[in-house]
Amino acid sequence: MDLGLSGRKALLCGASRGLGRACAEALAREGVAVTIAARTRTTLEQAAREIRDATGAEVTWVSADITTEEGRDALLAACPAPDILLNNADGPLPGDFRDWRRDDWIAALDAMMLGPIEMIRRTVDGMMERRFGRIVNIVSRSVKIAQPELGLSNGARSGLVGFVAGIARQTVAHNVTINNLLPGIFDSDAQRRHIRGMIDDVGDRFEQVWHARAAANPARRYGDPEELGAYFAFLCSSKAGFITGQNLLIDGGSYPGTY
């Protein structure tokens, strides 16, 4: 399928590794000029080089922190008029809400809600003027299946999802869609970090927990980041202009509800 993306420009936040990088590579294979952003320069340099070598696409990178005004300025200086925007941020480590203070909540909101909303605010009008835009936020299935140890993520990501529900209905008439991807367990560094943060609580070794989580999924495995990247690329395509304001699970069937 021709996704109609060749020649487009994409700005991808949190795209130096894991699910974000898979999204960047999927777009690069479709002929999109991608700008990847994260905080760690060495990881970005390596990712840009490897994506460029694998796809032949134009790949640039910028080291910036989306939670700061200076970081957001740097992102848009590197890619001033993106056709595609990805918002993606690591969640905080598991914990007990009794241990979190106001600063913890503000940091979570900046990373997973307010920073992404600011990036949407600063790009969406240009997309509407150009009559094409695709904004995708990688959130988490925890907005539908709240995980007790992930209270910071549950709250902040749900705030972003609630915001998107309103604005996505205002932009779609201008061929600008905004959707959320809700991944479950994926074979990624973020998943390993999450499990290591739980080890003391479950009293188990990492490998046991890792394999038990896969066994508990209906698919009996972890997702491959490339699977999410392909889903993302389709949502960004010219074929997906009638999909907006949706929270799209990609979790191997682990969400138990009908709706």
C-alpha atoms as a PDB file:
ATOM      1  CA  MET A   1       0.000   0.000   0.000  1.00  0.00           C
ATOM      2  CA  ASP A   2       1.256   3.459  -0.920  1.00  0.00           C
ATOM      3  CA  LEU A   3       0.740   5.491   2.248  1.00  0.00           C
ATOM      4  CA  GLY A   4       1.113   8.777   0.387  1.00  0.00           C
ATOM      5  CA  LEU A   5       3.826  10.058   2.714  1.00  0.00           C
ATOM      6  CA  SER A   6       6.824  10.550   0.445  1.00  0.00           C
ATOM      7  CA  GLY A   7       8.205  14.061   0.816  1.00  0.00           C
ATOM      8  CA  ARG A   8       6.471  14.777   4.122  1.00  0.00           C
ATOM      9  CA  LYS A   9       8.322  16.070   7.182  1.00  0.00           C
ATOM     10  CA  ALA A  10       8.006  14.516  10.638  1.00  0.00           C
ATOM     11  CA  LEU A  11       9.077  15.656  14.093  1.00  0.00           C
ATOM     12  CA  LEU A  12       9.294  12.736  16.489  1.00  0.00           C
ATOM     13  CA  CYS A  13       9.789  13.328  20.212  1.00  0.00           C
ATOM     14  CA  GLY A  14      11.255  10.504  22.263  1.00  0.00           C
ATOM     15  CA  ALA A  15      12.453   8.739  19.137  1.00  0.00           C
ATOM     16  CA  SER A  16      16.047   7.721  19.847  1.00  0.00           C
ATOM     17  CA  ARG A  17      15.122   4.217  21.004  1.00  0.00           C
ATOM     18  CA  GLY A  18      12.274   1.800  21.610  1.00  0.00           C
ATOM     19  CA  LEU A  19       8.805   2.529  20.284  1.00  0.00           C
ATOM     20  CA  GLY A  20       9.643   6.065  19.206  1.00  0.00           C
ATOM     21  CA  ARG A  21      12.587   4.927  17.147  1.00  0.00           C
ATOM     22  CA  ALA A  22      10.442   2.218  15.522  1.00  0.00           C
ATOM     23  CA  CYS A  23       8.012   4.954  14.490  1.00  0.00           C
ATOM     24  CA  ALA A  24      10.824   7.036  13.027  1.00  0.00           C
ATOM     25  CA  GLU A  25      12.173   4.127  11.014  1.00  0.00           C
ATOM     26  CA  ALA A  26       8.713   3.221   9.708  1.00  0.00           C
ATOM     27  CA  LEU A  27       8.229   6.752   8.388  1.00  0.00           C
ATOM     28  CA  ALA A  28      11.739   6.896   6.954  1.00  0.00           C
ATOM     29  CA  ARG A  29      10.966   3.775   4.917  1.00  0.00           C
ATOM     30  CA  GLU A  30       7.991   5.637   3.436  1.00  0.00           C
ATOM     31  CA  GLY A  31      10.180   8.489   2.195  1.00  0.00           C
ATOM     32  CA  VAL A  32       9.500  10.908   5.046  1.00  0.00           C
ATOM     33  CA  ALA A  33      12.225  13.324   6.155  1.00  0.00           C
ATOM     34  CA  VAL A  34      12.405  12.674   9.883  1.00  0.00           C
ATOM     35  CA  THR A  35      13.727  14.749  12.750  1.00  0.00           C
ATOM     36  CA  ILE A  36      14.199  12.688  15.880  1.00  0.00           C
ATOM     37  CA  ALA A  37      14.407  14.271  19.308  1.00  0.00           C
ATOM     38  CA  ALA A  38      15.366  13.105  22.781  1.00  0.00           C
ATOM     39  CA  ARG A  39      17.671  14.233  25.572  1.00  0.00           C
ATOM     40  CA  THR A  40      20.712  11.978  25.079  1.00  0.00           C
ATOM     41  CA  ARG A  41      23.036  13.084  22.287  1.00  0.00           C
ATOM     42  CA  THR A  42      24.955   9.823  21.846  1.00  0.00           C
ATOM     43  CA  THR A  43      21.780   7.726  21.531  1.00  0.00           C
ATOM     44  CA  LEU A  44      20.346  10.185  19.030  1.00  0.00           C
ATOM     45  CA  GLU A  45      23.482  10.188  16.886  1.00  0.00           C
ATOM     46  CA  GLN A  46      23.511   6.407  16.751  1.00  0.00           C
ATOM     47  CA  ALA A  47      19.800   6.135  15.975  1.00  0.00           C
ATOM     48  CA  ALA A  48      19.985   8.756  13.226  1.00  0.00           C
ATOM     49  CA  ARG A  49      22.953   7.049  11.607  1.00  0.00           C
ATOM     50  CA  GLU A  50      21.359   3.593  11.725  1.00  0.00           C
ATOM     51  CA  ILE A  51      17.990   4.768  10.399  1.00  0.00           C
ATOM     52  CA  ARG A  52      19.716   6.679   7.622  1.00  0.00           C
ATOM     53  CA  ASP A  53      21.810   3.653   6.670  1.00  0.00           C
ATOM     54  CA  ALA A  54      18.799   1.311   6.732  1.00  0.00           C
ATOM     55  CA  THR A  55      16.410   3.497   4.740  1.00  0.00           C
ATOM     56  CA  GLY A  56      18.370   6.086   2.789  1.00  0.00           C
ATOM     57  CA  ALA A  57      16.030   8.750   4.171  1.00  0.00           C
ATOM     58  CA  GLU A  58      16.910  12.222   5.361  1.00  0.00           C
ATOM     59  CA  VAL A  59      17.334  11.968   9.146  1.00  0.00           C
ATOM     60  CA  THR A  60      18.261  14.813  11.457  1.00  0.00           C
ATOM     61  CA  TRP A  61      18.338  14.901  15.232  1.00  0.00           C
ATOM     62  CA  VAL A  62      18.083  17.412  18.036  1.00  0.00           C
ATOM     63  CA  SER A  63      18.945  16.979  21.691  1.00  0.00           C
ATOM     64  CA  ALA A  64      16.230  18.746  23.668  1.00  0.00           C
ATOM     65  CA  ASP A  65      13.952  18.431  26.671  1.00  0.00           C
ATOM     66  CA  ILE A  66      10.270  18.736  25.741  1.00  0.00           C
ATOM     67  CA  THR A  67       9.378  19.738  29.290  1.00  0.00           C
ATOM     68  CA  THR A  68      11.111  23.125  28.875  1.00  0.00           C
ATOM     69  CA  GLU A  69      10.306  26.112  26.688  1.00  0.00           C
ATOM     70  CA  GLU A  70      13.919  26.132  25.461  1.00  0.00           C
ATOM     71  CA  GLY A  71      13.649  22.477  24.503  1.00  0.00           C
ATOM     72  CA  ARG A  72      10.442  23.009  22.561  1.00  0.00           C
ATOM     73  CA  ASP A  73      11.995  26.003  20.797  1.00  0.00           C
ATOM     74  CA  ALA A  74      14.934  23.803  19.759  1.00  0.00           C
ATOM     75  CA  LEU A  75      12.625  21.120  18.389  1.00  0.00           C
ATOM     76  CA  LEU A  76      10.738  23.571  16.201  1.00  0.00           C
ATOM     77  CA  ALA A  77      13.931  25.278  15.077  1.00  0.00           C
ATOM     78  CA  ALA A  78      15.082  21.904  13.766  1.00  0.00           C
ATOM     79  CA  CYS A  79      11.737  21.123  12.080  1.00  0.00           C
ATOM     80  CA  PRO A  80       9.727  24.346  11.806  1.00  0.00           C
ATOM     81  CA  ALA A  81       6.723  23.075   9.826  1.00  0.00           C
ATOM     82  CA  PRO A  82       6.158  19.373  10.482  1.00  0.00           C
ATOM     83  CA  ASP A  83       3.416  17.483   8.695  1.00  0.00           C
ATOM     84  CA  ILE A  84       3.605  14.766  11.349  1.00  0.00           C
ATOM     85  CA  LEU A  85       4.161  15.086  15.081  1.00  0.00           C
ATOM     86  CA  LEU A  86       4.853  12.227  17.482  1.00  0.00           C
ATOM     87  CA  ASN A  87       4.646  12.836  21.216  1.00  0.00           C
ATOM     88  CA  ASN A  88       6.295  10.069  23.201  1.00  0.00           C
ATOM     89  CA  ALA A  89       7.758  10.134  26.698  1.00  0.00           C
ATOM     90  CA  ASP A  90       8.977   7.556  29.188  1.00  0.00           C
ATOM     91  CA  GLY A  91       6.832   7.191  32.246  1.00  0.00           C
ATOM     92  CA  PRO A  92       8.228   7.424  35.780  1.00  0.00           C
ATOM     93  CA  LEU A  93       9.253   4.354  37.694  1.00  0.00           C
ATOM     94  CA  PRO A  94       6.589   2.388  39.596  1.00  0.00           C
ATOM     95  CA  GLY A  95       5.879   3.592  43.092  1.00  0.00           C
ATOM     96  CA  ASP A  96       3.406   4.277  45.877  1.00  0.00           C
ATOM     97  CA  PHE A  97       1.377   7.486  45.638  1.00  0.00           C
ATOM     98  CA  ARG A  98       2.012   8.101  49.339  1.00  0.00           C
ATOM     99  CA  ASP A  99       5.646   8.780  48.505  1.00  0.00           C
ATOM    100  CA  TRP A 100       4.951  11.314  45.738  1.00  0.00           C
ATOM    101  CA  ARG A 101       4.937  15.025  46.397  1.00  0.00           C
ATOM    102  CA  ARG A 102       3.813  18.008  44.348  1.00  0.00           C
ATOM    103  CA  ASP A 103       7.125  18.223  42.474  1.00  0.00           C
ATOM    104  CA  ASP A 104       6.749  14.589  41.375  1.00  0.00           C
ATOM    105  CA  TRP A 105       3.293  15.292  39.981  1.00  0.00           C
ATOM    106  CA  ILE A 106       4.391  18.468  38.194  1.00  0.00           C
ATOM    107  CA  ALA A 107       7.312  16.619  36.587  1.00  0.00           C
ATOM    108  CA  ALA A 108       4.955  13.871  35.400  1.00  0.00           C
ATOM    109  CA  LEU A 109       2.482  16.390  33.994  1.00  0.00           C
ATOM    110  CA  ASP A 110       5.243  18.302  32.195  1.00  0.00           C
ATOM    111  CA  ALA A 111       6.566  15.146  30.527  1.00  0.00           C
ATOM    112  CA  MET A 112       3.363  13.293  29.693  1.00  0.00           C
ATOM    113  CA  MET A 113       0.660  15.964  29.388  1.00  0.00           C
ATOM    114  CA  LEU A 114       1.704  19.623  29.320  1.00  0.00           C
ATOM    115  CA  GLY A 115       4.782  19.202  27.098  1.00  0.00           C
ATOM    116  CA  PRO A 116       2.844  17.257  24.434  1.00  0.00           C
ATOM    117  CA  ILE A 117      -0.053  19.748  24.582  1.00  0.00           C
ATOM    118  CA  GLU A 118       2.406  22.604  24.021  1.00  0.00           C
ATOM    119  CA  MET A 119       3.856  20.807  20.985  1.00  0.00           C
ATOM    120  CA  ILE A 120       0.346  20.344  19.613  1.00  0.00           C
ATOM    121  CA  ARG A 121      -0.469  24.012  20.252  1.00  0.00           C
ATOM    122  CA  ARG A 122       2.621  25.157  18.388  1.00  0.00           C
ATOM    123  CA  THR A 123       2.179  22.938  15.314  1.00  0.00           C
ATOM    124  CA  VAL A 124      -1.524  22.321  14.731  1.00  0.00           C
ATOM    125  CA  ASP A 125      -2.467  25.684  13.180  1.00  0.00           C
ATOM    126  CA  GLY A 126       0.250  25.365  10.541  1.00  0.00           C
ATOM    127  CA  MET A 127      -0.936  21.863   9.747  1.00  0.00           C
ATOM    128  CA  MET A 128      -4.504  23.120   9.291  1.00  0.00           C
ATOM    129  CA  GLU A 129      -3.338  25.942   7.019  1.00  0.00           C
ATOM    130  CA  ARG A 130      -1.433  23.442   4.859  1.00  0.00           C
ATOM    131  CA  ARG A 131      -4.438  21.060   4.882  1.00  0.00           C
ATOM    132  CA  PHE A 132      -2.482  18.075   6.129  1.00  0.00           C
ATOM    133  CA  GLY A 133      -1.420  16.994   9.581  1.00  0.00           C
ATOM    134  CA  ARG A 134      -1.083  13.844  11.629  1.00  0.00           C
ATOM    135  CA  ILE A 135      -0.480  14.025  15.376  1.00  0.00           C
ATOM    136  CA  VAL A 136      -0.043  10.812  17.330  1.00  0.00           C
ATOM    137  CA  ASN A 137       0.617  10.473  21.040  1.00  0.00           C
ATOM    138  CA  ILE A 138       2.044   7.253  22.422  1.00  0.00           C
ATOM    139  CA  VAL A 139       0.403   6.926  25.807  1.00  0.00           C
ATOM    140  CA  SER A 140      -0.300   3.585  27.512  1.00  0.00           C
ATOM    141  CA  ARG A 141      -2.996   1.004  27.991  1.00  0.00           C
ATOM    142  CA  SER A 142      -2.943   2.195  31.614  1.00  0.00           C
ATOM    143  CA  VAL A 143      -5.417   4.918  30.625  1.00  0.00           C
ATOM    144  CA  LYS A 144      -7.914   2.065  30.143  1.00  0.00           C
ATOM    145  CA  ILE A 145      -6.512  -0.455  32.635  1.00  0.00           C
ATOM    146  CA  ALA A 146      -5.062   1.596  35.478  1.00  0.00           C
ATOM    147  CA  GLN A 147      -2.043  -0.026  37.098  1.00  0.00           C
ATOM    148  CA  PRO A 148      -1.787   0.844  40.814  1.00  0.00           C
ATOM    149  CA  GLU A 149       1.992   1.243  40.775  1.00  0.00           C
ATOM    150  CA  LEU A 150       1.794   3.693  37.850  1.00  0.00           C
ATOM    151  CA  GLY A 151      -0.312   6.417  39.414  1.00  0.00           C
ATOM    152  CA  LEU A 152       1.781   9.262  37.987  1.00  0.00           C
ATOM    153  CA  SER A 153       1.446   7.850  34.497  1.00  0.00           C
ATOM    154  CA  ASN A 154      -2.237   6.961  34.913  1.00  0.00           C
ATOM    155  CA  GLY A 155      -3.066  10.527  35.869  1.00  0.00           C
ATOM    156  CA  ALA A 156      -0.865  12.524  33.488  1.00  0.00           C
ATOM    157  CA  ARG A 157      -1.525  10.404  30.402  1.00  0.00           C
ATOM    158  CA  SER A 158      -5.263  10.410  31.061  1.00  0.00           C
ATOM    159  CA  GLY A 159      -5.118  14.204  31.106  1.00  0.00           C
ATOM    160  CA  LEU A 160      -3.545  14.231  27.632  1.00  0.00           C
ATOM    161  CA  VAL A 161      -6.128  11.762  26.334  1.00  0.00           C
ATOM    162  CA  GLY A 162      -8.949  13.918  27.690  1.00  0.00           C
ATOM    163  CA  PHE A 163      -7.526  17.019  26.012  1.00  0.00           C
ATOM    164  CA  VAL A 164      -7.152  15.260  22.664  1.00  0.00           C
ATOM    165  CA  ALA A 165     -10.786  14.094  22.774  1.00  0.00           C
ATOM    166  CA  GLY A 166     -11.906  17.687  22.378  1.00  0.00           C
ATOM    167  CA  ILE A 167      -9.427  19.220  19.978  1.00  0.00           C
ATOM    168  CA  ALA A 168      -9.320  16.270  17.556  1.00  0.00           C
ATOM    169  CA  ARG A 169     -12.920  17.026  16.564  1.00  0.00           C
ATOM    170  CA  GLN A 170     -11.996  20.612  15.733  1.00  0.00           C
ATOM    171  CA  THR A 171      -9.071  19.863  13.425  1.00  0.00           C
ATOM    172  CA  VAL A 172     -10.256  16.935  11.326  1.00  0.00           C
ATOM    173  CA  ALA A 173     -12.244  19.133   8.896  1.00  0.00           C
ATOM    174  CA  HIS A 174      -8.864  20.601   7.921  1.00  0.00           C
ATOM    175  CA  ASN A 175      -7.375  17.126   7.297  1.00  0.00           C
ATOM    176  CA  VAL A 176      -5.501  17.163  10.602  1.00  0.00           C
ATOM    177  CA  THR A 177      -6.038  14.100  12.770  1.00  0.00           C
ATOM    178  CA  ILE A 178      -4.984  13.525  16.371  1.00  0.00           C
ATOM    179  CA  ASN A 179      -4.943  10.032  17.848  1.00  0.00           C
ATOM    180  CA  ASN A 180      -3.464   8.139  20.770  1.00  0.00           C
ATOM    181  CA  LEU A 181      -1.715   4.778  20.632  1.00  0.00           C
ATOM    182  CA  LEU A 182      -2.124   2.669  23.770  1.00  0.00           C
ATOM    183  CA  PRO A 183       0.638   0.050  23.845  1.00  0.00           C
ATOM    184  CA  GLY A 184       0.644  -2.891  26.176  1.00  0.00           C
ATOM    185  CA  ILE A 185       3.770  -4.916  26.876  1.00  0.00           C
ATOM    186  CA  PHE A 186       6.505  -4.464  24.273  1.00  0.00           C
ATOM    187  CA  ASP A 187      10.016  -5.829  24.024  1.00  0.00           C
ATOM    188  CA  SER A 188      11.678  -2.524  24.842  1.00  0.00           C
ATOM    189  CA  ASP A 189      14.041  -0.807  27.243  1.00  0.00           C
ATOM    190  CA  ALA A 190      11.073   0.946  28.838  1.00  0.00           C
ATOM    191  CA  GLN A 191       9.451  -2.391  29.658  1.00  0.00           C
ATOM    192  CA  ARG A 192      12.672  -3.687  31.214  1.00  0.00           C
ATOM    193  CA  ARG A 193      12.990  -0.504  33.252  1.00  0.00           C
ATOM    194  CA  HIS A 194       9.413  -0.892  34.455  1.00  0.00           C
ATOM    195  CA  ILE A 195       9.951  -4.468  35.590  1.00  0.00           C
ATOM    196  CA  ARG A 196      13.208  -3.645  37.358  1.00  0.00           C
ATOM    197  CA  GLY A 197      11.307  -0.974  39.239  1.00  0.00           C
ATOM    198  CA  MET A 198       8.865  -3.627  40.468  1.00  0.00           C
ATOM    199  CA  ILE A 199      11.265  -6.379  41.474  1.00  0.00           C
ATOM    200  CA  ASP A 200      11.371  -5.496  45.165  1.00  0.00           C
ATOM    201  CA  ASP A 201       7.590  -5.379  45.297  1.00  0.00           C
ATOM    202  CA  VAL A 202       7.010  -8.804  43.746  1.00  0.00           C
ATOM    203  CA  GLY A 203      10.005 -10.480  45.372  1.00  0.00           C
ATOM    204  CA  ASP A 204      11.000 -12.178  42.155  1.00  0.00           C
ATOM    205  CA  ARG A 205      13.967 -12.193  39.843  1.00  0.00           C
ATOM    206  CA  PHE A 206      13.839 -10.175  36.618  1.00  0.00           C
ATOM    207  CA  GLU A 207      13.754 -13.144  34.223  1.00  0.00           C
ATOM    208  CA  GLN A 208      10.888 -14.783  36.071  1.00  0.00           C
ATOM    209  CA  VAL A 209       8.802 -11.627  35.989  1.00  0.00           C
ATOM    210  CA  TRP A 210       9.714 -10.926  32.360  1.00  0.00           C
ATOM    211  CA  HIS A 211       8.569 -14.356  31.180  1.00  0.00           C
ATOM    212  CA  ALA A 212       5.497 -14.379  33.413  1.00  0.00           C
ATOM    213  CA  ARG A 213       4.234 -11.145  31.860  1.00  0.00           C
ATOM    214  CA  ALA A 214       4.580 -12.585  28.383  1.00  0.00           C
ATOM    215  CA  ALA A 215       2.828 -15.806  29.393  1.00  0.00           C
ATOM    216  CA  ALA A 216      -0.094 -13.816  30.853  1.00  0.00           C
ATOM    217  CA  ASN A 217      -0.738 -12.004  27.580  1.00  0.00           C
ATOM    218  CA  PRO A 218      -3.253 -13.665  25.205  1.00  0.00           C
ATOM    219  CA  ALA A 219      -0.617 -13.498  22.451  1.00  0.00           C
ATOM    220  CA  ARG A 220       1.873 -15.262  24.784  1.00  0.00           C
ATOM    221  CA  ARG A 221       4.588 -12.806  23.832  1.00  0.00           C
ATOM    222  CA  TYR A 222       5.744  -9.209  23.929  1.00  0.00           C
ATOM    223  CA  GLY A 223       4.950  -6.875  21.080  1.00  0.00           C
ATOM    224  CA  ASP A 224       7.653  -6.096  18.547  1.00  0.00           C
ATOM    225  CA  PRO A 225       8.314  -2.326  18.318  1.00  0.00           C
ATOM    226  CA  GLU A 226       8.164  -2.646  14.531  1.00  0.00           C
ATOM    227  CA  GLU A 227       4.501  -3.658  14.866  1.00  0.00           C
ATOM    228  CA  LEU A 228       3.712  -0.400  16.618  1.00  0.00           C
ATOM    229  CA  GLY A 229       5.810   1.513  14.089  1.00  0.00           C
ATOM    230  CA  ALA A 230       3.748   0.093  11.233  1.00  0.00           C
ATOM    231  CA  TYR A 231       0.499   1.005  12.984  1.00  0.00           C
ATOM    232  CA  PHE A 232       1.824   4.521  13.536  1.00  0.00           C
ATOM    233  CA  ALA A 233       2.842   4.894   9.887  1.00  0.00           C
ATOM    234  CA  PHE A 234      -0.652   3.971   8.746  1.00  0.00           C
ATOM    235  CA  LEU A 235      -2.234   6.501  11.131  1.00  0.00           C
ATOM    236  CA  CYS A 236       0.053   9.136   9.591  1.00  0.00           C
ATOM    237  CA  SER A 237      -0.862   8.191   6.046  1.00  0.00           C
ATOM    238  CA  SER A 238      -3.141   9.870   3.529  1.00  0.00           C
ATOM    239  CA  LYS A 239      -5.416   6.815   3.940  1.00  0.00           C
ATOM    240  CA  ALA A 240      -6.193   7.588   7.599  1.00  0.00           C
ATOM    241  CA  GLY A 241      -7.849  10.991   7.346  1.00  0.00           C
ATOM    242  CA  PHE A 242     -11.168   9.679   8.732  1.00  0.00           C
ATOM    243  CA  ILE A 243      -9.607   8.409  11.980  1.00  0.00           C
ATOM    244  CA  THR A 244      -9.362  11.005  14.731  1.00  0.00           C
ATOM    245  CA  GLY A 245      -9.805  11.323  18.493  1.00  0.00           C
ATOM    246  CA  GLN A 246      -9.286   7.600  18.945  1.00  0.00           C
ATOM    247  CA  ASN A 247      -7.490   5.650  21.672  1.00  0.00           C
ATOM    248  CA  LEU A 248      -6.097   2.672  19.824  1.00  0.00           C
ATOM    249  CA  LEU A 249      -4.944  -0.344  21.790  1.00  0.00           C
ATOM    250  CA  ILE A 250      -2.025  -2.409  20.564  1.00  0.00           C
ATOM    251  CA  ASP A 251      -1.607  -4.909  23.375  1.00  0.00           C
ATOM    252  CA  GLY A 252      -1.969  -8.474  22.129  1.00  0.00           C
ATOM    253  CA  GLY A 253      -5.565  -8.604  23.340  1.00  0.00           C
ATOM    254  CA  SER A 254      -4.808  -8.047  27.035  1.00  0.00           C
ATOM    255  CA  TYR A 255      -7.537  -5.440  27.504  1.00  0.00           C
ATOM    256  CA  PRO A 256     -10.501  -7.566  28.570  1.00  0.00           C
ATOM    257  CA  GLY A 257     -13.398  -5.262  27.582  1.00  0.00           C
ATOM    258  CA  THR A 258     -15.665  -5.355  24.557  1.00  0.00           C
ATOM    259  CA  TYR A 259     -15.601  -1.580  24.094  1.00  0.00           C
END
